[in-house]
Amino acid sequence: AVPGTSEEDFDVYTTYHPNGGGQFNAKLRVVRKTDGRLLFPFEGAPLIGPYPTGQLAIEAALAFAHKLILADIVEPEG
């Protein structure tokens, strides 16, 4: 594993999709660019949502990604 040292060392992809209840869940993908390691989603990853709008789902996913990236910079996943 080659750890990232800044947020620029990570790619973040987000989208959202409607759920059956008229609300929205976010889809999130976080990849550490220094070694290509997929940090999210992982097996058993939490669902991000539901939220009343797609924009709120995206904002929640980006906030979650930010926390995940900062945690990986401090203590990289191997």
N, C-alpha and C. Protein backbone atom coordinates (compact mmCIF):
# COMPACT_ATOMS: atom_id res chain seq x y z
N ALA A 1 0.84 -1.19 0.00
CA ALA A 1 0.00 0.00 0.00
C ALA A 1 0.88 1.25 0.00
N VAL A 2 0.48 2.21 -0.79
CA VAL A 2 1.18 3.49 -0.85
C VAL A 2 0.21 4.53 -0.31
N PRO A 3 0.46 5.04 0.89
CA PRO A 3 -0.50 5.95 1.50
C PRO A 3 -0.60 7.29 0.78
N GLY A 4 -1.79 7.88 0.87
CA GLY A 4 -1.98 9.23 0.38
C GLY A 4 -1.55 10.22 1.45
N THR A 5 -1.11 11.38 1.03
CA THR A 5 -0.66 12.39 1.99
C THR A 5 -1.53 13.64 1.99
N SER A 6 -2.43 13.74 1.00
CA SER A 6 -3.35 14.88 0.94
C SER A 6 -4.63 14.44 0.24
N GLU A 7 -5.65 15.27 0.32
CA GLU A 7 -6.92 14.92 -0.32
C GLU A 7 -6.79 14.80 -1.84
N GLU A 8 -5.79 15.44 -2.42
CA GLU A 8 -5.57 15.34 -3.85
C GLU A 8 -5.12 13.93 -4.28
N ASP A 9 -4.72 13.12 -3.32
CA ASP A 9 -4.29 11.75 -3.61
C ASP A 9 -5.47 10.77 -3.68
N PHE A 10 -6.69 11.28 -3.68
CA PHE A 10 -7.89 10.44 -3.69
C PHE A 10 -8.85 10.92 -4.77
N ASP A 11 -9.48 9.96 -5.45
CA ASP A 11 -10.56 10.27 -6.37
C ASP A 11 -11.88 9.96 -5.68
N VAL A 12 -12.85 10.86 -5.82
CA VAL A 12 -14.16 10.69 -5.22
C VAL A 12 -15.21 10.80 -6.32
N TYR A 13 -16.06 9.79 -6.40
CA TYR A 13 -17.14 9.77 -7.38
C TYR A 13 -18.46 9.65 -6.62
N THR A 14 -19.42 10.50 -6.95
CA THR A 14 -20.72 10.43 -6.29
C THR A 14 -21.84 10.51 -7.31
N THR A 15 -22.92 9.88 -6.97
CA THR A 15 -24.17 9.98 -7.70
C THR A 15 -25.27 9.64 -6.72
N TYR A 16 -26.48 9.69 -7.18
CA TYR A 16 -27.60 9.32 -6.31
C TYR A 16 -28.64 8.58 -7.13
N HIS A 17 -29.51 7.91 -6.43
CA HIS A 17 -30.61 7.23 -7.10
C HIS A 17 -31.82 7.26 -6.19
N PRO A 18 -33.01 7.31 -6.77
CA PRO A 18 -34.22 7.31 -5.95
C PRO A 18 -34.44 5.94 -5.34
N ASN A 19 -34.96 5.93 -4.13
CA ASN A 19 -35.34 4.65 -3.54
C ASN A 19 -36.84 4.47 -3.72
N GLY A 20 -37.38 3.40 -3.26
CA GLY A 20 -38.80 3.13 -3.46
C GLY A 20 -39.72 4.06 -2.70
N GLY A 21 -39.20 4.82 -1.75
CA GLY A 21 -40.04 5.68 -0.92
C GLY A 21 -40.06 7.13 -1.35
N GLY A 22 -39.55 7.43 -2.53
CA GLY A 22 -39.55 8.80 -3.00
C GLY A 22 -38.42 9.65 -2.46
N GLN A 23 -37.46 9.01 -1.81
CA GLN A 23 -36.29 9.73 -1.33
C GLN A 23 -35.08 9.24 -2.11
N PHE A 24 -33.89 9.71 -1.72
CA PHE A 24 -32.69 9.44 -2.51
C PHE A 24 -31.57 8.89 -1.64
N ASN A 25 -30.86 7.91 -2.18
CA ASN A 25 -29.65 7.37 -1.56
C ASN A 25 -28.47 7.75 -2.43
N ALA A 26 -27.35 8.01 -1.81
CA ALA A 26 -26.13 8.35 -2.54
C ALA A 26 -25.34 7.09 -2.84
N LYS A 27 -24.66 7.12 -3.96
CA LYS A 27 -23.65 6.12 -4.27
C LYS A 27 -22.31 6.84 -4.20
N LEU A 28 -21.35 6.21 -3.56
CA LEU A 28 -20.05 6.82 -3.35
C LEU A 28 -18.96 5.83 -3.70
N ARG A 29 -17.92 6.34 -4.33
CA ARG A 29 -16.72 5.54 -4.62
C ARG A 29 -15.53 6.42 -4.28
N VAL A 30 -14.63 5.89 -3.44
CA VAL A 30 -13.41 6.60 -3.06
C VAL A 30 -12.23 5.69 -3.38
N VAL A 31 -11.31 6.22 -4.19
CA VAL A 31 -10.14 5.45 -4.61
C VAL A 31 -8.88 6.24 -4.24
N ARG A 32 -7.94 5.56 -3.59
CA ARG A 32 -6.65 6.18 -3.29
C ARG A 32 -5.80 6.09 -4.56
N LYS A 33 -5.48 7.22 -5.15
CA LYS A 33 -4.77 7.26 -6.43
C LYS A 33 -3.34 6.76 -6.33
N THR A 34 -2.71 6.86 -5.18
CA THR A 34 -1.30 6.49 -5.05
C THR A 34 -1.07 5.00 -5.29
N ASP A 35 -2.08 4.18 -5.03
CA ASP A 35 -1.93 2.73 -5.27
C ASP A 35 -3.18 2.09 -5.86
N GLY A 36 -4.21 2.88 -6.16
CA GLY A 36 -5.42 2.34 -6.77
C GLY A 36 -6.34 1.61 -5.82
N ARG A 37 -6.09 1.69 -4.54
CA ARG A 37 -6.91 0.96 -3.58
C ARG A 37 -8.30 1.58 -3.46
N LEU A 38 -9.32 0.73 -3.57
CA LEU A 38 -10.71 1.14 -3.38
C LEU A 38 -10.99 1.19 -1.89
N LEU A 39 -11.29 2.38 -1.39
CA LEU A 39 -11.57 2.54 0.04
C LEU A 39 -13.07 2.45 0.33
N PHE A 40 -13.88 2.84 -0.64
CA PHE A 40 -15.34 2.79 -0.47
C PHE A 40 -15.96 2.66 -1.84
N PRO A 41 -16.92 1.77 -2.03
CA PRO A 41 -17.57 0.97 -1.00
C PRO A 41 -16.75 -0.28 -0.67
N PHE A 42 -17.02 -0.83 0.47
CA PHE A 42 -16.40 -2.07 0.91
C PHE A 42 -17.53 -3.00 1.33
N GLU A 43 -17.22 -4.26 1.48
CA GLU A 43 -18.24 -5.21 1.89
C GLU A 43 -18.83 -4.80 3.23
N GLY A 44 -20.13 -4.69 3.29
CA GLY A 44 -20.80 -4.26 4.50
C GLY A 44 -20.85 -2.75 4.68
N ALA A 45 -20.49 -2.00 3.62
CA ALA A 45 -20.47 -0.54 3.70
C ALA A 45 -21.87 -0.01 4.01
N PRO A 46 -21.94 1.06 4.79
CA PRO A 46 -23.25 1.61 5.14
C PRO A 46 -23.92 2.27 3.93
N LEU A 47 -25.22 2.26 3.96
CA LEU A 47 -26.02 2.97 2.97
C LEU A 47 -25.97 4.46 3.30
N ILE A 48 -25.82 5.30 2.30
CA ILE A 48 -25.81 6.74 2.52
C ILE A 48 -27.18 7.27 2.13
N GLY A 49 -28.00 7.49 3.11
CA GLY A 49 -29.35 7.96 2.86
C GLY A 49 -30.34 7.19 3.70
N PRO A 50 -31.59 7.45 3.51
CA PRO A 50 -32.19 8.27 2.46
C PRO A 50 -32.25 9.75 2.83
N TYR A 51 -32.32 10.57 1.78
CA TYR A 51 -32.44 12.02 1.91
C TYR A 51 -33.59 12.50 1.03
N PRO A 52 -34.18 13.63 1.37
CA PRO A 52 -35.34 14.10 0.61
C PRO A 52 -35.00 14.58 -0.81
N THR A 53 -33.74 14.93 -1.07
CA THR A 53 -33.35 15.37 -2.42
C THR A 53 -32.04 14.70 -2.82
N GLY A 54 -31.82 14.63 -4.11
CA GLY A 54 -30.57 14.08 -4.61
C GLY A 54 -29.39 14.93 -4.19
N GLN A 55 -29.56 16.24 -4.18
CA GLN A 55 -28.47 17.15 -3.79
C GLN A 55 -28.04 16.90 -2.34
N LEU A 56 -29.00 16.70 -1.45
CA LEU A 56 -28.65 16.40 -0.06
C LEU A 56 -27.92 15.07 0.05
N ALA A 57 -28.31 14.10 -0.76
CA ALA A 57 -27.63 12.80 -0.75
C ALA A 57 -26.18 12.96 -1.20
N ILE A 58 -25.96 13.75 -2.25
CA ILE A 58 -24.59 14.00 -2.73
C ILE A 58 -23.77 14.71 -1.67
N GLU A 59 -24.34 15.72 -1.03
CA GLU A 59 -23.62 16.46 0.01
C GLU A 59 -23.24 15.54 1.16
N ALA A 60 -24.13 14.64 1.55
CA ALA A 60 -23.83 13.69 2.62
C ALA A 60 -22.71 12.74 2.19
N ALA A 61 -22.74 12.30 0.94
CA ALA A 61 -21.70 11.39 0.44
C ALA A 61 -20.34 12.10 0.43
N LEU A 62 -20.32 13.35 0.02
CA LEU A 62 -19.05 14.10 0.00
C LEU A 62 -18.51 14.32 1.40
N ALA A 63 -19.39 14.59 2.36
CA ALA A 63 -18.95 14.76 3.75
C ALA A 63 -18.38 13.44 4.29
N PHE A 64 -19.05 12.33 3.96
CA PHE A 64 -18.57 11.02 4.40
C PHE A 64 -17.21 10.73 3.76
N ALA A 65 -17.06 11.04 2.47
CA ALA A 65 -15.79 10.82 1.77
C ALA A 65 -14.67 11.63 2.42
N HIS A 66 -14.96 12.87 2.77
CA HIS A 66 -13.96 13.72 3.41
C HIS A 66 -13.45 13.09 4.70
N LYS A 67 -14.37 12.60 5.53
CA LYS A 67 -13.97 11.95 6.79
C LYS A 67 -13.16 10.68 6.52
N LEU A 68 -13.58 9.91 5.54
CA LEU A 68 -12.89 8.68 5.20
C LEU A 68 -11.47 8.96 4.72
N ILE A 69 -11.32 9.98 3.89
CA ILE A 69 -10.01 10.35 3.36
C ILE A 69 -9.09 10.83 4.48
N LEU A 70 -9.59 11.70 5.34
CA LEU A 70 -8.77 12.19 6.45
C LEU A 70 -8.32 11.04 7.35
N ALA A 71 -9.22 10.10 7.61
CA ALA A 71 -8.87 8.94 8.43
C ALA A 71 -7.80 8.09 7.74
N ASP A 72 -7.91 7.94 6.43
CA ASP A 72 -6.92 7.14 5.70
C ASP A 72 -5.56 7.83 5.66
N ILE A 73 -5.55 9.15 5.60
CA ILE A 73 -4.26 9.86 5.63
C ILE A 73 -3.57 9.66 6.98
N VAL A 74 -4.35 9.70 8.05
CA VAL A 74 -3.78 9.52 9.40
C VAL A 74 -3.35 8.08 9.62
N GLU A 75 -4.19 7.15 9.21
CA GLU A 75 -3.90 5.71 9.40
C GLU A 75 -4.31 4.96 8.16
N PRO A 76 -3.39 4.82 7.17
CA PRO A 76 -3.73 4.21 5.89
C PRO A 76 -4.17 2.75 6.02
N GLU A 77 -5.19 2.43 5.22
CA GLU A 77 -5.61 1.03 5.12
C GLU A 77 -4.59 0.31 4.27
N GLY A 78 -4.24 -0.88 4.69
CA GLY A 78 -3.22 -1.65 3.97
C GLY A 78 -3.80 -2.48 2.93
